[in-house]
Amino acid sequence: MGGNYHSLDDLPPILDVLPLMGVVLLPRGQLPLNIFEPRYLALVDAALSGNRLIGLIQPTQHEDKVLKPALSAIGCAARLTSYRESEDGRYLITLTGVCRFRVAEELPTEAPFRQVKADFAPFLADLIAAGENEFPRDRLLAALKDYLSRRDMKADWRSVLGAAPETLVNALAMLCPFEPSEKQALLEAPGWLERVDTLIALLEMANAGPAGPVSLN
């Protein structure tokens, strides 16, 4: 399978998944990851030898509390688009979001990583890039400026002003230190305009709270 996805037939019914708390990936977003756990090194090996697709999904609890936490209902299938192995055996990879999926069921497997039956049908609109129509850039920028200033954070405003709407929304959804449930709300927003509205609402709600420095690291 190549890197072009146009219909349900282009997407696999079964996905190996990478559960990461507090991390979401949206269609056409890019996520760099540093992989070092043996089970996830095996996951990357399987992707490289197969269709290069990995399902990124949030667990509902941290693994330090539950050995095998339940998975969120919705994740995002991603293509492994960059791969490099470090001298100490870590994998430095980049995942590029393709299409969201709903977990139909988790499957038993002898692999060290988890597998799910993925239902892509509700999210096929993800395969089409969002347009710029009705993008409330001014309202988003106003909320973002307040959000950053209250947290003593800085942004490259030339890049922000010049970014395509979907690129900007994806970056903010992934980089802003929202709570896991808030990031999941961005992922689960039914469509593009709803995601933009959710992002602005999260920024504005945070602006109504106490100020203080926050690190994106």
C-alpha atoms as a PDB file:
ATOM      1  CA  MET A   1       0.000   0.000   0.000  1.00  0.00           C
ATOM      2  CA  GLY A   2       1.357   3.374  -0.957  1.00  0.00           C
ATOM      3  CA  GLY A   3       0.872   6.693   0.750  1.00  0.00           C
ATOM      4  CA  ASN A   4      -2.299   7.693  -1.129  1.00  0.00           C
ATOM      5  CA  TYR A   5      -5.607   7.132   0.628  1.00  0.00           C
ATOM      6  CA  HIS A   6      -8.790   8.038  -1.191  1.00  0.00           C
ATOM      7  CA  SER A   7     -11.487   5.611  -0.039  1.00  0.00           C
ATOM      8  CA  LEU A   8     -12.419   3.019   2.554  1.00  0.00           C
ATOM      9  CA  ASP A   9     -10.798   0.332   0.395  1.00  0.00           C
ATOM     10  CA  ASP A  10      -7.402   2.008   0.877  1.00  0.00           C
ATOM     11  CA  LEU A  11      -7.551   1.628   4.668  1.00  0.00           C
ATOM     12  CA  PRO A  12      -6.837  -1.594   6.580  1.00  0.00           C
ATOM     13  CA  PRO A  13      -9.550  -3.224   8.734  1.00  0.00           C
ATOM     14  CA  ILE A  14      -7.003  -4.048  11.459  1.00  0.00           C
ATOM     15  CA  LEU A  15      -4.558  -1.603  13.025  1.00  0.00           C
ATOM     16  CA  ASP A  16      -1.631  -2.063  15.376  1.00  0.00           C
ATOM     17  CA  VAL A  17      -2.000   0.733  17.906  1.00  0.00           C
ATOM     18  CA  LEU A  18       0.318   2.971  19.883  1.00  0.00           C
ATOM     19  CA  PRO A  19      -1.462   4.186  23.041  1.00  0.00           C
ATOM     20  CA  LEU A  20      -0.096   7.541  24.248  1.00  0.00           C
ATOM     21  CA  MET A  21      -1.759   9.561  26.985  1.00  0.00           C
ATOM     22  CA  GLY A  22      -1.988  13.291  26.301  1.00  0.00           C
ATOM     23  CA  VAL A  23      -1.065  12.955  22.626  1.00  0.00           C
ATOM     24  CA  VAL A  24      -3.377  13.218  19.634  1.00  0.00           C
ATOM     25  CA  LEU A  25      -2.707  13.340  15.919  1.00  0.00           C
ATOM     26  CA  LEU A  26      -5.108  14.843  13.410  1.00  0.00           C
ATOM     27  CA  PRO A  27      -5.380  14.096   9.679  1.00  0.00           C
ATOM     28  CA  ARG A  28      -2.397  15.581   7.813  1.00  0.00           C
ATOM     29  CA  GLY A  29      -0.769  16.589  11.084  1.00  0.00           C
ATOM     30  CA  GLN A  30       2.799  15.455  11.732  1.00  0.00           C
ATOM     31  CA  LEU A  31       4.050  14.022  15.013  1.00  0.00           C
ATOM     32  CA  PRO A  32       7.739  13.285  15.741  1.00  0.00           C
ATOM     33  CA  LEU A  33       8.267  10.490  18.272  1.00  0.00           C
ATOM     34  CA  ASN A  34      11.228   8.957  20.077  1.00  0.00           C
ATOM     35  CA  ILE A  35      10.538   5.202  20.376  1.00  0.00           C
ATOM     36  CA  PHE A  36      12.542   3.136  22.876  1.00  0.00           C
ATOM     37  CA  GLU A  37      10.231   0.611  24.583  1.00  0.00           C
ATOM     38  CA  PRO A  38      10.816  -2.896  23.117  1.00  0.00           C
ATOM     39  CA  ARG A  39       7.093  -3.465  22.417  1.00  0.00           C
ATOM     40  CA  TYR A  40       6.881  -0.250  20.421  1.00  0.00           C
ATOM     41  CA  LEU A  41      10.152  -0.883  18.615  1.00  0.00           C
ATOM     42  CA  ALA A  42       8.430  -4.112  17.514  1.00  0.00           C
ATOM     43  CA  LEU A  43       5.373  -2.088  16.503  1.00  0.00           C
ATOM     44  CA  VAL A  44       7.486   0.140  14.264  1.00  0.00           C
ATOM     45  CA  ASP A  45       9.236  -2.904  12.765  1.00  0.00           C
ATOM     46  CA  ALA A  46       5.824  -4.385  11.939  1.00  0.00           C
ATOM     47  CA  ALA A  47       4.704  -1.132  10.313  1.00  0.00           C
ATOM     48  CA  LEU A  48       7.870  -0.897   8.236  1.00  0.00           C
ATOM     49  CA  SER A  49       7.445  -4.443   6.970  1.00  0.00           C
ATOM     50  CA  GLY A  50       3.726  -3.944   6.306  1.00  0.00           C
ATOM     51  CA  ASN A  51       1.542  -1.033   5.230  1.00  0.00           C
ATOM     52  CA  ARG A  52       3.383   1.585   7.357  1.00  0.00           C
ATOM     53  CA  LEU A  53       0.159   2.468   9.177  1.00  0.00           C
ATOM     54  CA  ILE A  54      -0.056   2.785  12.970  1.00  0.00           C
ATOM     55  CA  GLY A  55      -3.110   3.710  15.011  1.00  0.00           C
ATOM     56  CA  LEU A  56      -2.355   6.461  17.515  1.00  0.00           C
ATOM     57  CA  ILE A  57      -4.852   6.473  20.366  1.00  0.00           C
ATOM     58  CA  GLN A  58      -5.115   7.713  23.930  1.00  0.00           C
ATOM     59  CA  PRO A  59      -5.614   5.221  26.760  1.00  0.00           C
ATOM     60  CA  THR A  60      -8.256   6.266  29.250  1.00  0.00           C
ATOM     61  CA  GLN A  61      -5.834   5.858  32.174  1.00  0.00           C
ATOM     62  CA  HIS A  62      -2.079   6.010  32.648  1.00  0.00           C
ATOM     63  CA  GLU A  63      -0.301   2.660  32.468  1.00  0.00           C
ATOM     64  CA  ASP A  64       1.260   3.288  35.875  1.00  0.00           C
ATOM     65  CA  LYS A  65      -2.256   2.880  37.326  1.00  0.00           C
ATOM     66  CA  VAL A  66      -3.581   0.028  35.181  1.00  0.00           C
ATOM     67  CA  LEU A  67      -1.519  -2.638  33.428  1.00  0.00           C
ATOM     68  CA  LYS A  68      -3.670  -2.603  30.295  1.00  0.00           C
ATOM     69  CA  PRO A  69      -5.841   0.510  30.342  1.00  0.00           C
ATOM     70  CA  ALA A  70      -8.938   0.753  28.194  1.00  0.00           C
ATOM     71  CA  LEU A  71      -8.502   2.631  24.939  1.00  0.00           C
ATOM     72  CA  SER A  72     -10.414   5.740  23.923  1.00  0.00           C
ATOM     73  CA  ALA A  73     -13.227   5.149  21.465  1.00  0.00           C
ATOM     74  CA  ILE A  74     -11.556   7.124  18.663  1.00  0.00           C
ATOM     75  CA  GLY A  75      -7.969   7.369  17.422  1.00  0.00           C
ATOM     76  CA  CYS A  76      -6.185   8.391  14.235  1.00  0.00           C
ATOM     77  CA  ALA A  77      -4.449   6.132  11.750  1.00  0.00           C
ATOM     78  CA  ALA A  78      -1.067   7.516  10.785  1.00  0.00           C
ATOM     79  CA  ARG A  79       1.491   6.679   8.144  1.00  0.00           C
ATOM     80  CA  LEU A  80       5.094   6.263   9.214  1.00  0.00           C
ATOM     81  CA  THR A  81       6.675   8.881   6.947  1.00  0.00           C
ATOM     82  CA  SER A  82      10.131   9.286   8.499  1.00  0.00           C
ATOM     83  CA  TYR A  83      12.384   6.774  10.203  1.00  0.00           C
ATOM     84  CA  ARG A  84      15.878   6.888  11.637  1.00  0.00           C
ATOM     85  CA  GLU A  85      17.629   4.583  14.075  1.00  0.00           C
ATOM     86  CA  SER A  86      19.901   6.107  16.713  1.00  0.00           C
ATOM     87  CA  GLU A  87      23.218   4.617  17.816  1.00  0.00           C
ATOM     88  CA  ASP A  88      21.646   3.418  21.072  1.00  0.00           C
ATOM     89  CA  GLY A  89      18.840   1.554  19.293  1.00  0.00           C
ATOM     90  CA  ARG A  90      16.015   4.083  19.586  1.00  0.00           C
ATOM     91  CA  TYR A  91      13.785   4.836  16.614  1.00  0.00           C
ATOM     92  CA  LEU A  92      13.250   8.485  15.702  1.00  0.00           C
ATOM     93  CA  ILE A  93      10.101   8.515  13.607  1.00  0.00           C
ATOM     94  CA  THR A  94       7.498  10.895  12.232  1.00  0.00           C
ATOM     95  CA  LEU A  95       3.852   9.914  11.936  1.00  0.00           C
ATOM     96  CA  THR A  96       1.559  11.742   9.506  1.00  0.00           C
ATOM     97  CA  GLY A  97      -2.164  11.573  10.251  1.00  0.00           C
ATOM     98  CA  VAL A  98      -4.327   9.903   7.611  1.00  0.00           C
ATOM     99  CA  CYS A  99      -7.852   9.256   8.926  1.00  0.00           C
ATOM    100  CA  ARG A 100      -9.587   8.898  12.269  1.00  0.00           C
ATOM    101  CA  PHE A 101     -11.112   5.569  13.250  1.00  0.00           C
ATOM    102  CA  ARG A 102     -13.501   4.201  15.847  1.00  0.00           C
ATOM    103  CA  VAL A 103     -12.417   1.123  17.771  1.00  0.00           C
ATOM    104  CA  ALA A 104     -14.901  -1.579  16.777  1.00  0.00           C
ATOM    105  CA  GLU A 105     -13.186  -4.066  19.087  1.00  0.00           C
ATOM    106  CA  GLU A 106      -9.772  -4.893  20.477  1.00  0.00           C
ATOM    107  CA  LEU A 107      -8.373  -8.122  19.064  1.00  0.00           C
ATOM    108  CA  PRO A 108      -6.415 -10.834  20.857  1.00  0.00           C
ATOM    109  CA  THR A 109      -2.850 -11.037  19.585  1.00  0.00           C
ATOM    110  CA  GLU A 110       0.414 -12.741  20.409  1.00  0.00           C
ATOM    111  CA  ALA A 111       2.308  -9.593  19.419  1.00  0.00           C
ATOM    112  CA  PRO A 112       3.758  -7.444  22.235  1.00  0.00           C
ATOM    113  CA  PHE A 113       1.630  -4.500  21.097  1.00  0.00           C
ATOM    114  CA  ARG A 114      -2.144  -4.068  20.903  1.00  0.00           C
ATOM    115  CA  GLN A 115      -4.372  -4.465  17.846  1.00  0.00           C
ATOM    116  CA  VAL A 116      -7.859  -3.221  17.076  1.00  0.00           C
ATOM    117  CA  LYS A 117     -10.504  -3.689  14.447  1.00  0.00           C
ATOM    118  CA  ALA A 118     -10.851  -0.186  13.045  1.00  0.00           C
ATOM    119  CA  ASP A 119     -14.019   1.402  11.682  1.00  0.00           C
ATOM    120  CA  PHE A 120     -13.055   4.251   9.347  1.00  0.00           C
ATOM    121  CA  ALA A 121     -16.480   4.675   7.754  1.00  0.00           C
ATOM    122  CA  PRO A 122     -17.673   7.606   9.949  1.00  0.00           C
ATOM    123  CA  PHE A 123     -14.543   9.633   9.150  1.00  0.00           C
ATOM    124  CA  LEU A 124     -13.961   9.316   5.409  1.00  0.00           C
ATOM    125  CA  ALA A 125     -14.234  13.106   5.082  1.00  0.00           C
ATOM    126  CA  ASP A 126     -10.809  13.164   6.805  1.00  0.00           C
ATOM    127  CA  LEU A 127      -9.272  12.023   3.506  1.00  0.00           C
ATOM    128  CA  ILE A 128     -10.083  15.426   1.992  1.00  0.00           C
ATOM    129  CA  ALA A 129      -8.037  18.407   3.146  1.00  0.00           C
ATOM    130  CA  ALA A 130      -9.974  21.113   4.939  1.00  0.00           C
ATOM    131  CA  GLY A 131     -10.637  24.291   2.982  1.00  0.00           C
ATOM    132  CA  GLU A 132     -10.225  27.861   4.144  1.00  0.00           C
ATOM    133  CA  ASN A 133     -13.900  28.725   3.900  1.00  0.00           C
ATOM    134  CA  GLU A 134     -15.377  30.244   7.032  1.00  0.00           C
ATOM    135  CA  PHE A 135     -12.105  29.975   8.956  1.00  0.00           C
ATOM    136  CA  PRO A 136     -12.341  32.454  11.873  1.00  0.00           C
ATOM    137  CA  ARG A 137      -8.637  33.288  11.853  1.00  0.00           C
ATOM    138  CA  ASP A 138      -8.986  36.631  13.668  1.00  0.00           C
ATOM    139  CA  ARG A 139     -10.943  35.101  16.558  1.00  0.00           C
ATOM    140  CA  LEU A 140      -8.487  32.210  16.819  1.00  0.00           C
ATOM    141  CA  LEU A 141      -5.465  34.523  16.792  1.00  0.00           C
ATOM    142  CA  ALA A 142      -6.989  36.775  19.455  1.00  0.00           C
ATOM    143  CA  ALA A 143      -7.605  33.788  21.730  1.00  0.00           C
ATOM    144  CA  LEU A 144      -4.131  32.420  21.014  1.00  0.00           C
ATOM    145  CA  LYS A 145      -2.367  35.717  21.780  1.00  0.00           C
ATOM    146  CA  ASP A 146      -4.107  35.944  25.141  1.00  0.00           C
ATOM    147  CA  TYR A 147      -3.406  32.272  25.871  1.00  0.00           C
ATOM    148  CA  LEU A 148       0.315  32.638  25.158  1.00  0.00           C
ATOM    149  CA  SER A 149       0.782  35.961  26.949  1.00  0.00           C
ATOM    150  CA  ARG A 150      -0.905  34.687  30.110  1.00  0.00           C
ATOM    151  CA  ARG A 151       1.514  31.743  30.160  1.00  0.00           C
ATOM    152  CA  ASP A 152       4.686  33.609  29.274  1.00  0.00           C
ATOM    153  CA  MET A 153       4.931  31.621  26.038  1.00  0.00           C
ATOM    154  CA  LYS A 154       6.092  32.950  22.694  1.00  0.00           C
ATOM    155  CA  ALA A 155       5.232  32.078  19.106  1.00  0.00           C
ATOM    156  CA  ASP A 156       6.686  32.828  15.698  1.00  0.00           C
ATOM    157  CA  TRP A 157       3.857  35.095  14.586  1.00  0.00           C
ATOM    158  CA  ARG A 158       5.097  35.303  11.007  1.00  0.00           C
ATOM    159  CA  SER A 159       4.687  31.516  10.767  1.00  0.00           C
ATOM    160  CA  VAL A 160       1.351  31.632  12.577  1.00  0.00           C
ATOM    161  CA  LEU A 161      -0.044  34.331  10.288  1.00  0.00           C
ATOM    162  CA  GLY A 162       1.188  32.553   7.169  1.00  0.00           C
ATOM    163  CA  ALA A 163       0.139  29.022   8.104  1.00  0.00           C
ATOM    164  CA  ALA A 164      -2.645  27.317   6.213  1.00  0.00           C
ATOM    165  CA  PRO A 165      -5.756  26.952   8.413  1.00  0.00           C
ATOM    166  CA  GLU A 166      -5.563  23.175   8.800  1.00  0.00           C
ATOM    167  CA  THR A 167      -1.825  23.265   9.481  1.00  0.00           C
ATOM    168  CA  LEU A 168      -2.327  25.906  12.174  1.00  0.00           C
ATOM    169  CA  VAL A 169      -5.210  24.100  13.867  1.00  0.00           C
ATOM    170  CA  ASN A 170      -3.357  20.766  13.814  1.00  0.00           C
ATOM    171  CA  ALA A 171      -0.244  22.327  15.324  1.00  0.00           C
ATOM    172  CA  LEU A 172      -2.138  24.086  18.116  1.00  0.00           C
ATOM    173  CA  ALA A 173      -4.199  20.994  18.935  1.00  0.00           C
ATOM    174  CA  MET A 174      -1.020  18.955  19.284  1.00  0.00           C
ATOM    175  CA  LEU A 175       1.302  21.489  20.939  1.00  0.00           C
ATOM    176  CA  CYS A 176      -0.891  23.391  23.390  1.00  0.00           C
ATOM    177  CA  PRO A 177      -0.732  21.805  26.859  1.00  0.00           C
ATOM    178  CA  PHE A 178      -4.400  20.890  27.026  1.00  0.00           C
ATOM    179  CA  GLU A 179      -5.664  18.102  29.272  1.00  0.00           C
ATOM    180  CA  PRO A 180      -5.944  14.617  27.669  1.00  0.00           C
ATOM    181  CA  SER A 181      -9.744  14.864  27.672  1.00  0.00           C
ATOM    182  CA  GLU A 182      -9.552  18.246  25.932  1.00  0.00           C
ATOM    183  CA  LYS A 183      -7.197  16.869  23.276  1.00  0.00           C
ATOM    184  CA  GLN A 184      -9.597  13.982  22.777  1.00  0.00           C
ATOM    185  CA  ALA A 185     -12.442  16.461  22.288  1.00  0.00           C
ATOM    186  CA  LEU A 186     -10.446  18.095  19.480  1.00  0.00           C
ATOM    187  CA  LEU A 187      -9.881  14.700  17.869  1.00  0.00           C
ATOM    188  CA  GLU A 188     -13.535  13.713  18.172  1.00  0.00           C
ATOM    189  CA  ALA A 189     -15.000  16.970  16.831  1.00  0.00           C
ATOM    190  CA  PRO A 190     -17.264  15.787  13.984  1.00  0.00           C
ATOM    191  CA  GLY A 191     -15.866  18.064  11.285  1.00  0.00           C
ATOM    192  CA  TRP A 192     -13.452  20.843  10.477  1.00  0.00           C
ATOM    193  CA  LEU A 193     -15.560  23.785  11.644  1.00  0.00           C
ATOM    194  CA  GLU A 194     -16.472  21.981  14.868  1.00  0.00           C
ATOM    195  CA  ARG A 195     -12.776  21.336  15.536  1.00  0.00           C
ATOM    196  CA  VAL A 196     -11.963  25.010  15.044  1.00  0.00           C
ATOM    197  CA  ASP A 197     -14.803  26.006  17.362  1.00  0.00           C
ATOM    198  CA  THR A 198     -13.608  23.503  19.981  1.00  0.00           C
ATOM    199  CA  LEU A 199     -10.034  24.796  19.780  1.00  0.00           C
ATOM    200  CA  ILE A 200     -11.140  28.417  20.203  1.00  0.00           C
ATOM    201  CA  ALA A 201     -13.415  27.430  23.100  1.00  0.00           C
ATOM    202  CA  LEU A 202     -10.533  25.625  24.858  1.00  0.00           C
ATOM    203  CA  LEU A 203      -8.235  28.637  24.437  1.00  0.00           C
ATOM    204  CA  GLU A 204     -10.904  31.045  25.664  1.00  0.00           C
ATOM    205  CA  MET A 205     -11.789  28.854  28.665  1.00  0.00           C
ATOM    206  CA  ALA A 206      -8.108  28.626  29.585  1.00  0.00           C
ATOM    207  CA  ASN A 207      -7.845  32.411  29.281  1.00  0.00           C
ATOM    208  CA  ALA A 208     -10.606  32.754  31.862  1.00  0.00           C
ATOM    209  CA  GLY A 209      -8.566  30.737  34.375  1.00  0.00           C
ATOM    210  CA  PRO A 210      -5.476  31.634  36.404  1.00  0.00           C
ATOM    211  CA  ALA A 211      -2.410  32.799  34.490  1.00  0.00           C
ATOM    212  CA  GLY A 212       1.058  31.379  34.899  1.00  0.00           C
ATOM    213  CA  PRO A 213       4.089  30.169  32.936  1.00  0.00           C
ATOM    214  CA  VAL A 214       3.653  26.880  31.094  1.00  0.00           C
ATOM    215  CA  SER A 215       6.267  24.941  29.136  1.00  0.00           C
ATOM    216  CA  LEU A 216       5.528  23.087  25.916  1.00  0.00           C
ATOM    217  CA  ASN A 217       8.438  20.731  26.612  1.00  0.00           C
END
